[in-house]
Amino acid sequence: MASLGFNIGFSVPGVQIQQHRKVYGSGRARVFSCSSSLSAATPPEIELEFFGPKPGSDGSYPADKAKAMSGEKLLRNIMKENKIELYATYGKVMNCGGGGSCGTCIVEILDGRDLLNERTDAENKYLKKKPESWRLACQTIVGNKENSGKVVVQRIPQWKK
């Protein structure tokens, strides 16, 4: 008696379905076993909203928006990829490129702090006299691969009046 195993798989956006079937017999195929698994193909997503450091002529703060997969990127990289201004004048010229050794990529987290990693040693060094809501974008991981939600960021908080 011969047996044969095969997989059937297909996907729908956001969902992956796999089935395994094993058949055996002589002359006629019969289903011996069948199992299915259903799993999410995409990790949770974090929405980000970035407010500029100074209000525009109408009194409102300029805002930029971005999205990122939870736990996959640093805040600095998300901002750079979305062409969102990160550095003040000095930081544009004199920054460490994301190594956490200069303190020029300061942002303030207005909402969603619980969706970010804890402050690192580099942040504790450069931000020891700053509010807890201030972070270094190069040290801040957005999400933890399991959470989702919204993070609101104030760019260049040292310029706020």
N, C-alpha and C. Protein backbone atom coordinates (compact mmCIF):
# COMPACT_ATOMS: atom_id res chain seq x y z
N MET A 1 0.84 -1.16 0.00
CA MET A 1 0.00 0.00 0.00
C MET A 1 0.89 1.23 0.00
N ALA A 2 0.67 2.17 -0.90
CA ALA A 2 1.48 3.38 -1.02
C ALA A 2 0.82 4.53 -0.28
N SER A 3 1.65 5.45 0.20
CA SER A 3 1.09 6.65 0.81
C SER A 3 1.73 7.87 0.17
N LEU A 4 1.04 8.93 0.19
CA LEU A 4 1.49 10.15 -0.45
C LEU A 4 1.11 11.33 0.44
N GLY A 5 2.03 12.23 0.69
CA GLY A 5 1.73 13.43 1.48
C GLY A 5 1.90 14.66 0.60
N PHE A 6 1.05 15.64 0.75
CA PHE A 6 1.19 16.87 -0.01
C PHE A 6 0.63 18.04 0.79
N ASN A 7 1.08 19.22 0.43
CA ASN A 7 0.64 20.46 1.08
C ASN A 7 -0.15 21.31 0.10
N ILE A 8 -1.16 21.95 0.60
CA ILE A 8 -1.91 22.93 -0.16
C ILE A 8 -1.78 24.24 0.60
N GLY A 9 -1.40 25.27 -0.07
CA GLY A 9 -1.26 26.56 0.62
C GLY A 9 -1.71 27.70 -0.26
N PHE A 10 -2.32 28.67 0.34
CA PHE A 10 -2.69 29.89 -0.37
C PHE A 10 -2.73 31.01 0.64
N SER A 11 -2.69 32.23 0.15
CA SER A 11 -2.72 33.34 1.09
C SER A 11 -3.68 34.41 0.62
N VAL A 12 -4.22 35.09 1.57
CA VAL A 12 -5.09 36.24 1.39
C VAL A 12 -4.33 37.38 2.06
N PRO A 13 -4.39 38.61 1.57
CA PRO A 13 -3.64 39.68 2.23
C PRO A 13 -3.84 39.68 3.74
N GLY A 14 -2.74 39.58 4.48
CA GLY A 14 -2.79 39.59 5.93
C GLY A 14 -3.01 38.24 6.57
N VAL A 15 -3.34 37.20 5.78
CA VAL A 15 -3.62 35.88 6.34
C VAL A 15 -2.93 34.83 5.50
N GLN A 16 -2.36 33.84 6.14
CA GLN A 16 -1.73 32.74 5.44
C GLN A 16 -2.39 31.44 5.88
N ILE A 17 -2.80 30.62 4.93
CA ILE A 17 -3.49 29.38 5.26
C ILE A 17 -2.67 28.23 4.69
N GLN A 18 -2.42 27.24 5.50
CA GLN A 18 -1.67 26.05 5.08
C GLN A 18 -2.49 24.82 5.43
N GLN A 19 -2.56 23.88 4.53
CA GLN A 19 -3.20 22.60 4.81
C GLN A 19 -2.25 21.49 4.41
N HIS A 20 -2.25 20.42 5.18
CA HIS A 20 -1.45 19.23 4.87
C HIS A 20 -2.40 18.05 4.78
N ARG A 21 -2.29 17.32 3.71
CA ARG A 21 -3.14 16.14 3.54
C ARG A 21 -2.24 14.93 3.27
N LYS A 22 -2.63 13.81 3.78
CA LYS A 22 -1.90 12.56 3.55
C LYS A 22 -2.91 11.54 3.04
N VAL A 23 -2.62 10.97 1.89
CA VAL A 23 -3.53 9.97 1.31
C VAL A 23 -2.78 8.66 1.12
N TYR A 24 -3.52 7.59 1.12
CA TYR A 24 -2.91 6.29 0.85
C TYR A 24 -3.97 5.39 0.24
N GLY A 25 -3.53 4.30 -0.23
CA GLY A 25 -4.48 3.33 -0.78
C GLY A 25 -3.95 2.75 -2.07
N SER A 26 -4.66 1.79 -2.57
CA SER A 26 -4.28 1.18 -3.84
C SER A 26 -5.43 1.41 -4.81
N GLY A 27 -5.16 2.14 -5.84
CA GLY A 27 -6.19 2.38 -6.83
C GLY A 27 -7.05 3.59 -6.54
N ARG A 28 -7.52 3.75 -5.32
CA ARG A 28 -8.37 4.88 -4.96
C ARG A 28 -7.67 5.73 -3.90
N ALA A 29 -7.71 7.01 -4.07
CA ALA A 29 -7.11 7.91 -3.08
C ALA A 29 -8.13 8.20 -1.99
N ARG A 30 -7.69 8.10 -0.77
CA ARG A 30 -8.54 8.44 0.36
C ARG A 30 -7.78 9.41 1.25
N VAL A 31 -8.50 10.31 1.89
CA VAL A 31 -7.87 11.24 2.81
C VAL A 31 -7.63 10.52 4.11
N PHE A 32 -6.38 10.48 4.52
CA PHE A 32 -6.01 9.82 5.77
C PHE A 32 -6.00 10.80 6.92
N SER A 33 -5.39 11.97 6.71
CA SER A 33 -5.37 12.99 7.75
C SER A 33 -5.39 14.36 7.11
N CYS A 34 -5.87 15.31 7.84
CA CYS A 34 -5.95 16.67 7.34
C CYS A 34 -5.74 17.62 8.52
N SER A 35 -4.88 18.59 8.37
CA SER A 35 -4.70 19.60 9.41
C SER A 35 -4.54 20.96 8.75
N SER A 36 -5.03 21.97 9.39
CA SER A 36 -4.94 23.34 8.87
C SER A 36 -4.37 24.25 9.93
N SER A 37 -3.70 25.28 9.49
CA SER A 37 -3.25 26.31 10.43
C SER A 37 -3.52 27.66 9.81
N LEU A 38 -3.89 28.59 10.62
CA LEU A 38 -4.19 29.93 10.19
C LEU A 38 -3.32 30.88 11.00
N SER A 39 -2.53 31.73 10.33
CA SER A 39 -1.67 32.64 11.08
C SER A 39 -1.63 34.01 10.42
N ALA A 40 -1.47 35.03 11.23
CA ALA A 40 -1.35 36.39 10.69
C ALA A 40 0.00 36.55 10.03
N ALA A 41 0.02 37.12 8.85
CA ALA A 41 1.26 37.26 8.10
C ALA A 41 1.96 38.59 8.39
N THR A 42 1.27 39.55 8.93
CA THR A 42 1.88 40.84 9.18
C THR A 42 1.88 41.16 10.67
N PRO A 43 3.00 41.70 11.17
CA PRO A 43 3.06 42.09 12.58
C PRO A 43 2.21 43.33 12.83
N PRO A 44 1.92 43.62 14.09
CA PRO A 44 1.14 44.81 14.42
C PRO A 44 1.84 46.08 13.94
N GLU A 45 1.06 47.12 13.75
CA GLU A 45 1.58 48.37 13.20
C GLU A 45 1.43 49.50 14.21
N ILE A 46 2.41 50.39 14.20
CA ILE A 46 2.39 51.58 15.05
C ILE A 46 2.19 52.80 14.14
N GLU A 47 1.21 53.62 14.48
CA GLU A 47 1.02 54.89 13.78
C GLU A 47 1.82 55.96 14.51
N LEU A 48 2.46 56.83 13.76
CA LEU A 48 3.24 57.91 14.36
C LEU A 48 2.78 59.24 13.81
N GLU A 49 2.72 60.23 14.70
CA GLU A 49 2.41 61.59 14.29
C GLU A 49 3.48 62.49 14.86
N PHE A 50 4.08 63.31 13.99
CA PHE A 50 5.20 64.17 14.37
C PHE A 50 4.77 65.63 14.25
N PHE A 51 4.92 66.38 15.35
CA PHE A 51 4.61 67.80 15.33
C PHE A 51 5.89 68.61 15.25
N GLY A 52 5.85 69.67 14.45
CA GLY A 52 7.00 70.55 14.30
C GLY A 52 7.27 71.33 15.57
N PRO A 53 8.47 71.91 15.67
CA PRO A 53 8.88 72.60 16.90
C PRO A 53 8.24 73.97 17.10
N LYS A 54 7.82 74.60 16.02
CA LYS A 54 7.25 75.95 16.12
C LYS A 54 5.94 76.02 15.34
N PRO A 55 5.00 76.80 15.85
CA PRO A 55 3.72 76.93 15.14
C PRO A 55 3.90 77.69 13.83
N GLY A 56 3.02 77.36 12.87
CA GLY A 56 3.02 78.07 11.60
C GLY A 56 2.35 79.42 11.74
N SER A 57 2.17 80.13 10.62
CA SER A 57 1.57 81.47 10.66
C SER A 57 0.12 81.45 11.14
N ASP A 58 -0.55 80.31 11.00
CA ASP A 58 -1.93 80.20 11.46
C ASP A 58 -2.03 79.77 12.93
N GLY A 59 -0.89 79.57 13.57
CA GLY A 59 -0.88 79.19 14.99
C GLY A 59 -0.89 77.70 15.25
N SER A 60 -1.07 76.89 14.21
CA SER A 60 -1.07 75.44 14.40
C SER A 60 0.32 74.87 14.13
N TYR A 61 0.62 73.77 14.79
CA TYR A 61 1.91 73.13 14.61
C TYR A 61 1.85 72.21 13.38
N PRO A 62 2.85 72.30 12.50
CA PRO A 62 2.85 71.41 11.34
C PRO A 62 2.99 69.96 11.78
N ALA A 63 2.28 69.06 11.11
CA ALA A 63 2.29 67.65 11.49
C ALA A 63 2.63 66.77 10.30
N ASP A 64 3.40 65.72 10.56
CA ASP A 64 3.71 64.68 9.58
C ASP A 64 3.25 63.36 10.17
N LYS A 65 2.90 62.42 9.30
CA LYS A 65 2.45 61.10 9.77
C LYS A 65 3.27 60.02 9.10
N ALA A 66 3.42 58.90 9.82
CA ALA A 66 4.14 57.74 9.30
C ALA A 66 3.58 56.50 9.99
N LYS A 67 3.89 55.34 9.43
CA LYS A 67 3.53 54.05 10.04
C LYS A 67 4.75 53.15 10.02
N ALA A 68 4.81 52.25 11.00
CA ALA A 68 5.93 51.31 11.07
C ALA A 68 5.46 50.02 11.70
N MET A 69 6.08 48.91 11.29
CA MET A 69 5.79 47.63 11.91
C MET A 69 6.33 47.65 13.33
N SER A 70 5.57 47.17 14.25
CA SER A 70 5.92 47.21 15.67
C SER A 70 7.21 46.43 15.96
N GLY A 71 8.16 47.10 16.61
CA GLY A 71 9.39 46.46 17.06
C GLY A 71 10.46 46.28 16.02
N GLU A 72 10.31 46.86 14.86
CA GLU A 72 11.27 46.61 13.78
C GLU A 72 12.23 47.77 13.51
N LYS A 73 11.90 49.00 13.95
CA LYS A 73 12.74 50.13 13.57
C LYS A 73 12.95 51.11 14.71
N LEU A 74 14.04 51.84 14.59
CA LEU A 74 14.32 52.95 15.50
C LEU A 74 13.55 54.18 15.01
N LEU A 75 13.16 55.02 15.94
CA LEU A 75 12.44 56.23 15.61
C LEU A 75 13.23 57.09 14.62
N ARG A 76 14.54 57.18 14.81
CA ARG A 76 15.41 57.96 13.90
C ARG A 76 15.27 57.47 12.46
N ASN A 77 15.31 56.15 12.27
CA ASN A 77 15.24 55.59 10.91
C ASN A 77 13.87 55.84 10.28
N ILE A 78 12.82 55.75 11.06
CA ILE A 78 11.48 56.02 10.54
C ILE A 78 11.40 57.47 10.07
N MET A 79 11.93 58.37 10.87
CA MET A 79 11.91 59.79 10.51
C MET A 79 12.73 60.05 9.25
N LYS A 80 13.89 59.47 9.16
CA LYS A 80 14.74 59.68 7.98
C LYS A 80 14.09 59.11 6.73
N GLU A 81 13.52 57.89 6.83
CA GLU A 81 12.88 57.25 5.67
C GLU A 81 11.68 58.05 5.17
N ASN A 82 11.00 58.75 6.08
CA ASN A 82 9.82 59.53 5.71
C ASN A 82 10.14 61.02 5.51
N LYS A 83 11.44 61.34 5.48
CA LYS A 83 11.92 62.70 5.26
C LYS A 83 11.30 63.70 6.24
N ILE A 84 11.27 63.29 7.51
CA ILE A 84 10.76 64.14 8.58
C ILE A 84 11.96 64.74 9.30
N GLU A 85 12.00 66.06 9.39
CA GLU A 85 13.14 66.75 9.99
C GLU A 85 13.36 66.28 11.43
N LEU A 86 14.60 65.95 11.72
CA LEU A 86 14.94 65.42 13.04
C LEU A 86 15.86 66.36 13.81
N TYR A 87 16.85 66.90 13.13
CA TYR A 87 17.90 67.65 13.81
C TYR A 87 17.69 69.16 13.77
N ALA A 88 18.13 69.83 14.83
CA ALA A 88 18.25 71.28 14.82
C ALA A 88 19.48 71.61 13.97
N THR A 89 19.77 72.87 13.76
CA THR A 89 20.85 73.29 12.86
C THR A 89 22.18 72.62 13.20
N TYR A 90 22.59 72.67 14.45
CA TYR A 90 23.86 72.07 14.86
C TYR A 90 23.87 70.56 14.60
N GLY A 91 22.78 69.90 14.89
CA GLY A 91 22.70 68.45 14.73
C GLY A 91 22.76 67.99 13.28
N LYS A 92 22.35 68.84 12.36
CA LYS A 92 22.41 68.49 10.94
C LYS A 92 23.86 68.33 10.49
N VAL A 93 24.73 69.13 11.09
CA VAL A 93 26.14 69.12 10.72
C VAL A 93 26.95 68.18 11.62
N MET A 94 26.65 68.19 12.90
CA MET A 94 27.46 67.47 13.89
C MET A 94 26.62 66.42 14.61
N ASN A 95 26.31 65.32 13.95
CA ASN A 95 25.62 64.23 14.64
C ASN A 95 26.41 62.95 14.48
N CYS A 96 26.14 61.99 15.32
CA CYS A 96 26.94 60.75 15.34
C CYS A 96 26.40 59.69 14.37
N GLY A 97 25.37 60.01 13.61
CA GLY A 97 24.83 59.05 12.65
C GLY A 97 24.01 57.94 13.28
N GLY A 98 23.52 58.17 14.47
CA GLY A 98 22.65 57.17 15.11
C GLY A 98 23.34 56.28 16.12
N GLY A 99 24.52 56.63 16.54
CA GLY A 99 25.27 55.80 17.48
C GLY A 99 24.96 56.06 18.95
N GLY A 100 24.15 57.06 19.24
CA GLY A 100 23.81 57.36 20.63
C GLY A 100 24.93 58.03 21.39
N SER A 101 25.82 58.73 20.69
CA SER A 101 26.96 59.33 21.37
C SER A 101 27.04 60.85 21.25
N CYS A 102 25.94 61.50 20.80
CA CYS A 102 26.02 62.96 20.68
C CYS A 102 24.84 63.68 21.32
N GLY A 103 23.68 63.09 21.38
CA GLY A 103 22.52 63.73 22.00
C GLY A 103 21.85 64.78 21.14
N THR A 104 22.02 64.76 19.83
CA THR A 104 21.43 65.79 18.97
C THR A 104 20.06 65.40 18.39
N CYS A 105 19.64 64.18 18.54
CA CYS A 105 18.36 63.73 17.95
C CYS A 105 17.25 63.68 18.99
N ILE A 106 17.15 64.70 19.80
CA ILE A 106 16.17 64.74 20.89
C ILE A 106 14.77 64.95 20.34
N VAL A 107 13.84 64.15 20.84
CA VAL A 107 12.41 64.30 20.56
C VAL A 107 11.67 64.20 21.89
N GLU A 108 10.44 64.69 21.90
CA GLU A 108 9.60 64.53 23.08
C GLU A 108 8.41 63.65 22.71
N ILE A 109 8.15 62.63 23.51
CA ILE A 109 7.03 61.74 23.28
C ILE A 109 5.83 62.32 24.02
N LEU A 110 4.85 62.82 23.27
CA LEU A 110 3.67 63.43 23.86
C LEU A 110 2.62 62.39 24.24
N ASP A 111 2.58 61.30 23.48
CA ASP A 111 1.61 60.24 23.76
C ASP A 111 2.15 58.92 23.22
N GLY A 112 1.86 57.83 23.90
CA GLY A 112 2.27 56.51 23.43
C GLY A 112 3.60 56.03 23.97
N ARG A 113 4.08 56.60 25.08
CA ARG A 113 5.37 56.18 25.65
C ARG A 113 5.41 54.69 25.96
N ASP A 114 4.25 54.13 26.31
CA ASP A 114 4.19 52.70 26.64
C ASP A 114 4.42 51.81 25.42
N LEU A 115 4.43 52.37 24.22
CA LEU A 115 4.67 51.60 23.00
C LEU A 115 6.15 51.60 22.60
N LEU A 116 6.99 52.20 23.42
CA LEU A 116 8.43 52.32 23.11
C LEU A 116 9.25 51.56 24.13
N ASN A 117 10.51 51.29 23.76
CA ASN A 117 11.42 50.65 24.70
C ASN A 117 11.76 51.59 25.85
N GLU A 118 12.33 51.06 26.91
CA GLU A 118 12.78 51.88 28.05
C GLU A 118 13.98 52.71 27.62
N ARG A 119 14.24 53.78 28.34
CA ARG A 119 15.43 54.60 28.06
C ARG A 119 16.69 53.75 28.18
N THR A 120 17.62 53.98 27.26
CA THR A 120 18.90 53.25 27.27
C THR A 120 19.91 54.00 28.15
N ASP A 121 21.06 53.38 28.37
CA ASP A 121 22.13 54.03 29.14
C ASP A 121 22.58 55.32 28.46
N ALA A 122 22.66 55.32 27.12
CA ALA A 122 23.06 56.53 26.39
C ALA A 122 22.04 57.64 26.63
N GLU A 123 20.77 57.30 26.63
CA GLU A 123 19.74 58.31 26.89
C GLU A 123 19.82 58.83 28.32
N ASN A 124 20.03 57.94 29.26
CA ASN A 124 20.16 58.37 30.65
C ASN A 124 21.34 59.33 30.81
N LYS A 125 22.41 59.12 30.04
CA LYS A 125 23.58 59.99 30.11
C LYS A 125 23.27 61.38 29.53
N TYR A 126 22.70 61.43 28.33
CA TYR A 126 22.48 62.71 27.66
C TYR A 126 21.21 63.44 28.11
N LEU A 127 20.28 62.72 28.70
CA LEU A 127 19.00 63.34 29.06
C LEU A 127 18.74 63.34 30.56
N LYS A 128 19.79 63.20 31.38
CA LYS A 128 19.59 63.05 32.82
C LYS A 128 18.90 64.25 33.47
N LYS A 129 19.03 65.45 32.91
CA LYS A 129 18.37 66.63 33.48
C LYS A 129 17.15 67.07 32.67
N LYS A 130 16.72 66.21 31.76
CA LYS A 130 15.58 66.51 30.90
C LYS A 130 14.35 65.73 31.37
N PRO A 131 13.16 66.15 30.96
CA PRO A 131 11.95 65.42 31.35
C PRO A 131 11.98 63.97 30.85
N GLU A 132 11.27 63.09 31.55
CA GLU A 132 11.20 61.67 31.18
C GLU A 132 10.62 61.46 29.79
N SER A 133 9.83 62.43 29.33
CA SER A 133 9.20 62.30 28.02
C SER A 133 10.18 62.57 26.86
N TRP A 134 11.36 63.08 27.16
CA TRP A 134 12.35 63.34 26.13
C TRP A 134 13.15 62.07 25.86
N ARG A 135 13.38 61.80 24.57
CA ARG A 135 14.11 60.60 24.15
C ARG A 135 15.10 60.96 23.06
N LEU A 136 16.07 60.08 22.85
CA LEU A 136 16.96 60.17 21.69
C LEU A 136 16.35 59.27 20.61
N ALA A 137 16.07 59.84 19.46
CA ALA A 137 15.42 59.09 18.39
C ALA A 137 16.26 57.89 17.94
N CYS A 138 17.58 58.00 18.04
CA CYS A 138 18.46 56.91 17.60
C CYS A 138 18.49 55.74 18.57
N GLN A 139 17.91 55.91 19.75
CA GLN A 139 17.91 54.85 20.77
C GLN A 139 16.50 54.31 21.04
N THR A 140 15.50 54.89 20.38
CA THR A 140 14.11 54.58 20.67
C THR A 140 13.54 53.59 19.67
N ILE A 141 13.25 52.38 20.14
CA ILE A 141 12.63 51.35 19.29
C ILE A 141 11.12 51.54 19.37
N VAL A 142 10.50 51.60 18.21
CA VAL A 142 9.06 51.82 18.12
C VAL A 142 8.35 50.47 18.15
N GLY A 143 7.64 50.19 19.25
CA GLY A 143 6.91 48.94 19.40
C GLY A 143 7.78 47.82 19.92
N ASN A 144 7.13 46.65 20.15
CA ASN A 144 7.87 45.48 20.65
C ASN A 144 7.49 44.20 19.90
N LYS A 145 7.01 44.32 18.66
CA LYS A 145 6.57 43.24 17.79
C LYS A 145 5.23 42.65 18.18
N GLU A 146 4.67 43.06 19.33
CA GLU A 146 3.38 42.53 19.75
C GLU A 146 2.34 43.63 19.95
N ASN A 147 2.78 44.87 20.22
CA ASN A 147 1.82 45.92 20.50
C ASN A 147 1.52 46.75 19.26
N SER A 148 0.43 47.47 19.31
CA SER A 148 0.08 48.39 18.24
C SER A 148 -0.58 49.61 18.89
N GLY A 149 -0.64 50.69 18.16
CA GLY A 149 -1.22 51.91 18.71
C GLY A 149 -0.65 53.13 18.02
N LYS A 150 -0.73 54.25 18.72
CA LYS A 150 -0.28 55.52 18.14
C LYS A 150 0.71 56.20 19.07
N VAL A 151 1.78 56.73 18.47
CA VAL A 151 2.80 57.48 19.19
C VAL A 151 2.80 58.90 18.62
N VAL A 152 2.73 59.88 19.51
CA VAL A 152 2.75 61.29 19.10
C VAL A 152 4.08 61.88 19.55
N VAL A 153 4.80 62.48 18.59
CA VAL A 153 6.17 62.95 18.82
C VAL A 153 6.27 64.44 18.54
N GLN A 154 6.91 65.16 19.45
CA GLN A 154 7.24 66.57 19.24
C GLN A 154 8.69 66.62 18.77
N ARG A 155 8.91 67.12 17.56
CA ARG A 155 10.28 67.23 17.05
C ARG A 155 10.97 68.42 17.68
N ILE A 156 12.25 68.30 17.92
CA ILE A 156 13.11 69.36 18.42
C ILE A 156 12.44 70.11 19.60
N PRO A 157 12.17 69.42 20.69
CA PRO A 157 11.43 70.04 21.81
C PRO A 157 12.17 71.21 22.46
N GLN A 158 13.48 71.27 22.32
CA GLN A 158 14.24 72.36 22.92
C GLN A 158 13.91 73.71 22.26
N TRP A 159 13.22 73.70 21.11
CA TRP A 159 12.84 74.94 20.44
C TRP A 159 11.46 75.42 20.87
N LYS A 160 10.71 74.61 21.60
CA LYS A 160 9.35 75.01 21.99
C LYS A 160 9.36 76.26 22.85
N LYS A 161 8.34 77.06 22.68
CA LYS A 161 8.21 78.27 23.52
C LYS A 161 6.96 78.18 24.34
